[in-house]
């Protein structure tokens, strides 16, 4: 079973959202339709980055690592392929 780390981007507000899911496209739909929460304020979202992992533990570890960066520049470099995780 596959797990995915994804990065969403809101063009209107230049915000990123990092998450993990077994079905990232369904999660994108959720983020674009949820009534309340962080992602509801910055719609619409688009997936800019997807990476597949075989274990949920590894996926959670990578998601946390990216979130801990707290750097738009580092996230952009990851999306552009300059950083590999």
Protein backbone atom coordinates (compact mmCIF):
# COMPACT_ATOMS: atom_id res chain seq x y z
CA UNK A 1 0.00 0.00 0.00
CA UNK A 2 1.31 3.44 -0.93
CA UNK A 3 1.39 6.60 1.13
CA UNK A 4 2.07 10.03 -0.25
CA UNK A 5 3.59 13.28 0.97
CA UNK A 6 2.01 16.19 -0.86
CA UNK A 7 2.54 19.92 -1.04
CA UNK A 8 -0.37 22.16 -1.97
CA UNK A 9 0.02 25.74 -3.10
CA UNK A 10 -2.45 28.61 -3.02
CA UNK A 11 -1.56 30.95 -5.87
CA UNK A 12 -3.82 33.72 -4.56
CA UNK A 13 -2.03 33.93 -1.20
CA UNK A 14 1.32 32.24 -2.01
CA UNK A 15 0.83 29.78 0.86
CA UNK A 16 1.98 26.17 1.03
CA UNK A 17 0.34 23.28 2.84
CA UNK A 18 2.23 20.05 3.53
CA UNK A 19 0.36 16.85 4.23
CA UNK A 20 0.36 13.08 3.85
CA UNK A 21 -2.35 10.75 2.66
CA UNK A 22 -3.09 7.43 0.99
CA UNK A 23 -5.19 9.35 -1.55
CA UNK A 24 -3.73 12.84 -2.14
CA UNK A 25 -6.22 13.78 -4.87
CA UNK A 26 -9.13 13.10 -2.53
CA UNK A 27 -7.34 15.18 0.13
CA UNK A 28 -6.97 18.04 -2.38
CA UNK A 29 -10.72 17.95 -2.96
CA UNK A 30 -11.24 18.02 0.83
CA UNK A 31 -8.94 21.03 1.26
CA UNK A 32 -10.77 22.87 -1.52
CA UNK A 33 -14.23 22.22 -0.02
CA UNK A 34 -13.81 22.11 3.79
CA UNK A 35 -15.97 24.69 5.54
CA UNK A 36 -13.58 25.63 8.36
CA UNK A 37 -9.90 25.34 9.04
CA UNK A 38 -6.57 26.68 7.83
CA UNK A 39 -6.93 25.55 4.23
CA UNK A 40 -10.44 26.98 3.82
CA UNK A 41 -9.03 30.54 4.08
CA UNK A 42 -6.59 30.23 1.18
CA UNK A 43 -8.48 28.38 -1.55
CA UNK A 44 -8.09 27.33 -4.27
CA UNK A 45 -5.27 24.82 -3.72
CA UNK A 46 -3.30 22.90 -6.32
CA UNK A 47 -0.93 19.97 -5.87
CA UNK A 48 2.64 20.99 -6.71
CA UNK A 49 4.52 18.04 -5.22
CA UNK A 50 3.81 14.36 -4.68
CA UNK A 51 6.18 11.68 -3.46
CA UNK A 52 5.26 8.08 -2.82
CA UNK A 53 6.45 6.05 0.17
CA UNK A 54 5.81 2.45 1.14
CA UNK A 55 5.30 2.93 4.89
CA UNK A 56 3.14 5.32 6.83
CA UNK A 57 5.93 5.84 9.37
CA UNK A 58 8.32 7.06 6.68
CA UNK A 59 5.64 9.32 5.21
CA UNK A 60 4.92 10.93 8.59
CA UNK A 61 8.65 11.41 9.22
CA UNK A 62 9.16 13.19 5.87
CA UNK A 63 6.02 15.33 6.32
CA UNK A 64 7.25 16.48 9.74
CA UNK A 65 10.73 17.21 8.39
CA UNK A 66 9.35 19.44 5.62
CA UNK A 67 7.00 21.24 8.03
CA UNK A 68 9.92 21.84 10.41
CA UNK A 69 11.80 23.72 7.67
CA UNK A 70 9.41 26.69 7.96
CA UNK A 71 11.00 28.09 4.81
CA UNK A 72 9.17 28.88 1.59
CA UNK A 73 12.49 28.97 -0.24
CA UNK A 74 13.41 25.45 0.89
CA UNK A 75 9.95 24.17 -0.04
CA UNK A 76 10.26 25.77 -3.50
CA UNK A 77 13.66 24.08 -3.93
CA UNK A 78 12.10 20.72 -3.02
CA UNK A 79 9.28 21.23 -5.54
CA UNK A 80 11.79 22.20 -8.23
CA UNK A 81 13.85 19.08 -7.53
CA UNK A 82 16.90 20.85 -6.08
CA UNK A 83 16.37 19.10 -2.73
CA UNK A 84 15.64 15.38 -2.52
CA UNK A 85 13.92 13.83 0.50
